[in-house]
Amino acid sequence: MSVEEFLAWEREQPERHEFVAGEIFGMVGASLAHGRVVFNLAKILDRSCDGVRCAVFLDGAKLRLEGNVLYPDVMVSCEGFNIDGDLLGAPVLIAEVLSGSTELHDRGAKWASYQGLASLGTYLLVAQDRAFVEVFRRDGAGWTYASYAGEDAALELDHPECRLRVGELYAGIAGRR
């Protein structure tokens, strides 16, 4: 199946699917904590994008990357988009909220694919069960890594330009560590 054939097929399906190396993978449902962290991060990023030409997209937006079609949890794109479309091609930021069933894929194959995006400047891995965020930033020599642990830890992003406190990502989630 080609990417175009997959896209036509997938748009007719009631569930979401990713297309990786010619294979179709069904997307599993997310926990409520996962959904809340995605929502909180999108709100923070959207506030930062207000007044600039960047836009925030949630897990319903597809990313076409070489021969793959993926659904990142959160993306920021600054290149404009087709209002009737569902595909992005040049995000500046991608975030994945980690769960037990997706963490290895998000850290492994997805991250390896994302590194090939010339537009990508920041990749976030966000724990859903504790206040912990990992940030990969592109610089002239490659990628740098930093981690931020605890409710009061603060990190700064370049695309979009914003400063956030890690605890903000977990607002409204009771019972986390």
C-alpha atoms as a PDB file:
ATOM      1  CA  MET A   1       0.000   0.000   0.000  1.00  0.00           C
ATOM      2  CA  SER A   2       1.317   3.438  -0.862  1.00  0.00           C
ATOM      3  CA  VAL A   3       1.130   6.405   1.506  1.00  0.00           C
ATOM      4  CA  GLU A   4      -1.611   7.928  -0.660  1.00  0.00           C
ATOM      5  CA  GLU A   5      -3.611   4.684  -0.592  1.00  0.00           C
ATOM      6  CA  PHE A   6      -3.184   4.478   3.173  1.00  0.00           C
ATOM      7  CA  LEU A   7      -4.346   8.080   3.643  1.00  0.00           C
ATOM      8  CA  ALA A   8      -7.451   7.491   1.526  1.00  0.00           C
ATOM      9  CA  TRP A   9      -8.231   4.269   3.426  1.00  0.00           C
ATOM     10  CA  GLU A  10      -7.508   5.722   6.866  1.00  0.00           C
ATOM     11  CA  ARG A  11      -9.772   8.742   6.346  1.00  0.00           C
ATOM     12  CA  GLU A  12     -12.677   6.289   5.985  1.00  0.00           C
ATOM     13  CA  GLN A  13     -11.932   4.389   9.205  1.00  0.00           C
ATOM     14  CA  PRO A  14     -13.653   5.075  12.537  1.00  0.00           C
ATOM     15  CA  GLU A  15     -10.370   4.452  14.419  1.00  0.00           C
ATOM     16  CA  ARG A  16      -6.973   6.037  13.883  1.00  0.00           C
ATOM     17  CA  HIS A  17      -4.003   4.160  12.429  1.00  0.00           C
ATOM     18  CA  GLU A  18      -0.345   4.927  11.881  1.00  0.00           C
ATOM     19  CA  PHE A  19       1.500   3.802   8.761  1.00  0.00           C
ATOM     20  CA  VAL A  20       5.112   2.811   9.389  1.00  0.00           C
ATOM     21  CA  ALA A  21       7.417   1.149   6.847  1.00  0.00           C
ATOM     22  CA  GLY A  22       4.439  -0.065   4.820  1.00  0.00           C
ATOM     23  CA  GLU A  23       2.595  -1.560   7.797  1.00  0.00           C
ATOM     24  CA  ILE A  24      -0.625  -0.344   9.429  1.00  0.00           C
ATOM     25  CA  PHE A  25      -0.787  -0.066  13.217  1.00  0.00           C
ATOM     26  CA  GLY A  26      -4.038   0.596  15.100  1.00  0.00           C
ATOM     27  CA  MET A  27      -3.877   3.345  17.709  1.00  0.00           C
ATOM     28  CA  VAL A  28      -4.894   2.340  21.223  1.00  0.00           C
ATOM     29  CA  GLY A  29      -7.064   4.503  23.442  1.00  0.00           C
ATOM     30  CA  ALA A  30      -5.332   6.915  25.791  1.00  0.00           C
ATOM     31  CA  SER A  31      -5.801   7.242  29.536  1.00  0.00           C
ATOM     32  CA  LEU A  32      -7.552  10.236  31.047  1.00  0.00           C
ATOM     33  CA  ALA A  33      -4.229  11.416  32.519  1.00  0.00           C
ATOM     34  CA  HIS A  34      -2.647  11.241  29.056  1.00  0.00           C
ATOM     35  CA  GLY A  35      -5.466  13.303  27.569  1.00  0.00           C
ATOM     36  CA  ARG A  36      -5.248  15.883  30.327  1.00  0.00           C
ATOM     37  CA  VAL A  37      -1.464  16.334  29.944  1.00  0.00           C
ATOM     38  CA  VAL A  38      -1.872  16.711  26.163  1.00  0.00           C
ATOM     39  CA  PHE A  39      -4.621  19.296  26.705  1.00  0.00           C
ATOM     40  CA  ASN A  40      -2.615  21.257  29.293  1.00  0.00           C
ATOM     41  CA  LEU A  41       0.493  21.328  27.095  1.00  0.00           C
ATOM     42  CA  ALA A  42      -1.533  22.435  24.074  1.00  0.00           C
ATOM     43  CA  LYS A  43      -3.114  25.276  26.115  1.00  0.00           C
ATOM     44  CA  ILE A  44       0.295  26.515  27.252  1.00  0.00           C
ATOM     45  CA  LEU A  45       1.764  26.356  23.761  1.00  0.00           C
ATOM     46  CA  ASP A  46      -1.309  27.963  22.215  1.00  0.00           C
ATOM     47  CA  ARG A  47      -1.024  30.943  24.571  1.00  0.00           C
ATOM     48  CA  SER A  48       2.598  31.301  23.448  1.00  0.00           C
ATOM     49  CA  CYS A  49       1.590  31.173  19.787  1.00  0.00           C
ATOM     50  CA  ASP A  50      -1.001  33.927  20.192  1.00  0.00           C
ATOM     51  CA  GLY A  51      -0.045  36.763  17.884  1.00  0.00           C
ATOM     52  CA  VAL A  52       2.569  34.769  15.948  1.00  0.00           C
ATOM     53  CA  ARG A  53       2.188  32.745  12.807  1.00  0.00           C
ATOM     54  CA  CYS A  54       2.522  29.357  14.508  1.00  0.00           C
ATOM     55  CA  ALA A  55      -0.345  27.014  15.373  1.00  0.00           C
ATOM     56  CA  VAL A  56      -0.752  24.126  17.814  1.00  0.00           C
ATOM     57  CA  PHE A  57      -2.222  20.798  16.722  1.00  0.00           C
ATOM     58  CA  LEU A  58      -3.341  17.885  18.880  1.00  0.00           C
ATOM     59  CA  ASP A  59      -3.367  14.160  18.304  1.00  0.00           C
ATOM     60  CA  GLY A  60      -5.864  14.293  15.418  1.00  0.00           C
ATOM     61  CA  ALA A  61      -3.335  15.923  13.093  1.00  0.00           C
ATOM     62  CA  LYS A  62      -1.242  13.587  10.987  1.00  0.00           C
ATOM     63  CA  LEU A  63       2.443  14.015  10.255  1.00  0.00           C
ATOM     64  CA  ARG A  64       3.724  12.728   6.933  1.00  0.00           C
ATOM     65  CA  LEU A  65       7.369  11.813   7.261  1.00  0.00           C
ATOM     66  CA  GLU A  66       9.028  10.042   4.360  1.00  0.00           C
ATOM     67  CA  GLY A  67       6.956   6.882   3.829  1.00  0.00           C
ATOM     68  CA  ASN A  68       5.311   7.054   7.252  1.00  0.00           C
ATOM     69  CA  VAL A  69       2.167   8.701   8.597  1.00  0.00           C
ATOM     70  CA  LEU A  70       2.220   9.341  12.349  1.00  0.00           C
ATOM     71  CA  TYR A  71      -0.014  10.976  14.956  1.00  0.00           C
ATOM     72  CA  PRO A  72       2.156  12.920  17.414  1.00  0.00           C
ATOM     73  CA  ASP A  73       0.351  13.943  20.600  1.00  0.00           C
ATOM     74  CA  VAL A  74       1.109  17.660  20.109  1.00  0.00           C
ATOM     75  CA  MET A  75       2.743  19.554  17.236  1.00  0.00           C
ATOM     76  CA  VAL A  76       3.523  23.199  16.589  1.00  0.00           C
ATOM     77  CA  SER A  77       3.809  24.283  12.960  1.00  0.00           C
ATOM     78  CA  CYS A  78       4.783  27.710  11.682  1.00  0.00           C
ATOM     79  CA  GLU A  79       4.329  27.116   7.974  1.00  0.00           C
ATOM     80  CA  GLY A  80       0.577  27.511   7.653  1.00  0.00           C
ATOM     81  CA  PHE A  81      -1.881  24.749   6.913  1.00  0.00           C
ATOM     82  CA  ASN A  82      -4.820  23.817   4.717  1.00  0.00           C
ATOM     83  CA  ILE A  83      -8.013  24.322   6.734  1.00  0.00           C
ATOM     84  CA  ASP A  84      -9.578  21.286   5.005  1.00  0.00           C
ATOM     85  CA  GLY A  85      -6.487  19.106   5.447  1.00  0.00           C
ATOM     86  CA  ASP A  86      -5.289  16.749   8.143  1.00  0.00           C
ATOM     87  CA  LEU A  87      -1.579  16.494   7.277  1.00  0.00           C
ATOM     88  CA  LEU A  88       1.372  18.548   8.481  1.00  0.00           C
ATOM     89  CA  GLY A  89       4.862  18.276   7.110  1.00  0.00           C
ATOM     90  CA  ALA A  90       7.139  20.723   8.906  1.00  0.00           C
ATOM     91  CA  PRO A  91       6.513  21.008  12.659  1.00  0.00           C
ATOM     92  CA  VAL A  92       8.986  23.010  14.760  1.00  0.00           C
ATOM     93  CA  LEU A  93       7.978  21.199  17.967  1.00  0.00           C
ATOM     94  CA  ILE A  94       6.674  17.690  18.593  1.00  0.00           C
ATOM     95  CA  ALA A  95       5.620  16.353  22.000  1.00  0.00           C
ATOM     96  CA  GLU A  96       4.761  12.807  22.987  1.00  0.00           C
ATOM     97  CA  VAL A  97       3.123  11.967  26.303  1.00  0.00           C
ATOM     98  CA  LEU A  98       4.558   8.669  27.454  1.00  0.00           C
ATOM     99  CA  SER A  99       2.532   5.645  28.479  1.00  0.00           C
ATOM    100  CA  GLY A 100       3.561   2.070  29.212  1.00  0.00           C
ATOM    101  CA  SER A 101       2.404   0.907  25.792  1.00  0.00           C
ATOM    102  CA  THR A 102       3.979   3.719  23.735  1.00  0.00           C
ATOM    103  CA  GLU A 103       7.159   4.757  25.565  1.00  0.00           C
ATOM    104  CA  LEU A 104       9.578   2.453  23.732  1.00  0.00           C
ATOM    105  CA  HIS A 105       8.149   3.451  20.349  1.00  0.00           C
ATOM    106  CA  ASP A 106       8.166   7.181  21.236  1.00  0.00           C
ATOM    107  CA  ARG A 107      11.795   6.999  22.414  1.00  0.00           C
ATOM    108  CA  GLY A 108      12.925   4.675  19.636  1.00  0.00           C
ATOM    109  CA  ALA A 109      11.488   4.491  16.134  1.00  0.00           C
ATOM    110  CA  LYS A 110       9.421   7.677  16.342  1.00  0.00           C
ATOM    111  CA  TRP A 111      12.300   9.735  17.729  1.00  0.00           C
ATOM    112  CA  ALA A 112      14.660   8.353  15.085  1.00  0.00           C
ATOM    113  CA  SER A 113      12.167   9.355  12.367  1.00  0.00           C
ATOM    114  CA  TYR A 114      11.506  12.788  13.850  1.00  0.00           C
ATOM    115  CA  GLN A 115      15.222  13.635  13.842  1.00  0.00           C
ATOM    116  CA  GLY A 116      15.087  13.625  10.037  1.00  0.00           C
ATOM    117  CA  LEU A 117      12.671  16.583   9.976  1.00  0.00           C
ATOM    118  CA  ALA A 118      14.694  19.660   9.001  1.00  0.00           C
ATOM    119  CA  SER A 119      12.050  21.940  10.562  1.00  0.00           C
ATOM    120  CA  LEU A 120      12.047  20.238  13.970  1.00  0.00           C
ATOM    121  CA  GLY A 121      13.830  22.202  16.696  1.00  0.00           C
ATOM    122  CA  THR A 122      12.339  20.663  19.851  1.00  0.00           C
ATOM    123  CA  TYR A 123      11.144  17.189  20.852  1.00  0.00           C
ATOM    124  CA  LEU A 124       9.431  16.770  24.225  1.00  0.00           C
ATOM    125  CA  LEU A 125       8.844  13.512  26.062  1.00  0.00           C
ATOM    126  CA  VAL A 126       6.377  14.079  28.892  1.00  0.00           C
ATOM    127  CA  ALA A 127       5.642  11.536  31.623  1.00  0.00           C
ATOM    128  CA  GLN A 128       1.939  11.204  32.327  1.00  0.00           C
ATOM    129  CA  ASP A 129       2.214   9.789  35.848  1.00  0.00           C
ATOM    130  CA  ARG A 130       4.786  12.131  37.432  1.00  0.00           C
ATOM    131  CA  ALA A 131       6.136  15.647  36.978  1.00  0.00           C
ATOM    132  CA  PHE A 132       8.952  14.887  34.532  1.00  0.00           C
ATOM    133  CA  VAL A 133       9.753  16.299  31.084  1.00  0.00           C
ATOM    134  CA  GLU A 134      12.644  15.472  28.753  1.00  0.00           C
ATOM    135  CA  VAL A 135      13.642  18.015  26.123  1.00  0.00           C
ATOM    136  CA  PHE A 136      15.716  17.391  23.017  1.00  0.00           C
ATOM    137  CA  ARG A 137      16.827  20.598  21.251  1.00  0.00           C
ATOM    138  CA  ARG A 138      18.515  20.885  17.884  1.00  0.00           C
ATOM    139  CA  ASP A 139      21.623  23.017  17.800  1.00  0.00           C
ATOM    140  CA  GLY A 140      24.348  23.458  15.194  1.00  0.00           C
ATOM    141  CA  ALA A 141      26.108  20.234  16.166  1.00  0.00           C
ATOM    142  CA  GLY A 142      23.069  17.967  16.571  1.00  0.00           C
ATOM    143  CA  TRP A 143      20.736  17.413  19.498  1.00  0.00           C
ATOM    144  CA  THR A 144      21.122  18.347  23.147  1.00  0.00           C
ATOM    145  CA  TYR A 145      19.230  16.762  26.027  1.00  0.00           C
ATOM    146  CA  ALA A 146      17.887  18.142  29.286  1.00  0.00           C
ATOM    147  CA  SER A 147      15.413  16.799  31.830  1.00  0.00           C
ATOM    148  CA  TYR A 148      13.170  18.675  34.251  1.00  0.00           C
ATOM    149  CA  ALA A 149      11.765  16.961  37.320  1.00  0.00           C
ATOM    150  CA  GLY A 150       9.312  18.171  39.924  1.00  0.00           C
ATOM    151  CA  GLU A 151       6.353  20.525  39.971  1.00  0.00           C
ATOM    152  CA  ASP A 152       8.488  23.675  40.300  1.00  0.00           C
ATOM    153  CA  ALA A 153      11.015  22.886  37.570  1.00  0.00           C
ATOM    154  CA  ALA A 154      10.817  25.390  34.731  1.00  0.00           C
ATOM    155  CA  LEU A 155      11.872  25.054  31.133  1.00  0.00           C
ATOM    156  CA  GLU A 156      12.124  27.470  28.247  1.00  0.00           C
ATOM    157  CA  LEU A 157      11.255  26.666  24.668  1.00  0.00           C
ATOM    158  CA  ASP A 158      12.255  28.493  21.500  1.00  0.00           C
ATOM    159  CA  HIS A 159       9.495  27.345  19.114  1.00  0.00           C
ATOM    160  CA  PRO A 160       7.141  28.706  20.202  1.00  0.00           C
ATOM    161  CA  GLU A 161       8.963  30.974  22.589  1.00  0.00           C
ATOM    162  CA  CYS A 162       7.625  30.241  26.048  1.00  0.00           C
ATOM    163  CA  ARG A 163       8.540  29.414  29.602  1.00  0.00           C
ATOM    164  CA  LEU A 164       6.543  26.803  31.442  1.00  0.00           C
ATOM    165  CA  ARG A 165       6.550  25.265  34.873  1.00  0.00           C
ATOM    166  CA  VAL A 166       6.430  21.470  34.743  1.00  0.00           C
ATOM    167  CA  GLY A 167       3.599  21.385  37.296  1.00  0.00           C
ATOM    168  CA  GLU A 168       1.339  23.272  34.844  1.00  0.00           C
ATOM    169  CA  LEU A 169       1.292  20.190  32.613  1.00  0.00           C
ATOM    170  CA  TYR A 170      -0.342  18.152  35.369  1.00  0.00           C
ATOM    171  CA  ALA A 171      -3.061  20.586  36.445  1.00  0.00           C
ATOM    172  CA  GLY A 172      -6.300  18.732  37.174  1.00  0.00           C
ATOM    173  CA  ILE A 173      -4.715  15.304  37.622  1.00  0.00           C
ATOM    174  CA  ALA A 174      -5.108  13.818  41.078  1.00  0.00           C
ATOM    175  CA  GLY A 175      -3.080  10.913  42.454  1.00  0.00           C
ATOM    176  CA  ARG A 176       0.128  11.321  40.471  1.00  0.00           C
ATOM    177  CA  ARG A 177       3.582  10.797  41.965  1.00  0.00           C
END
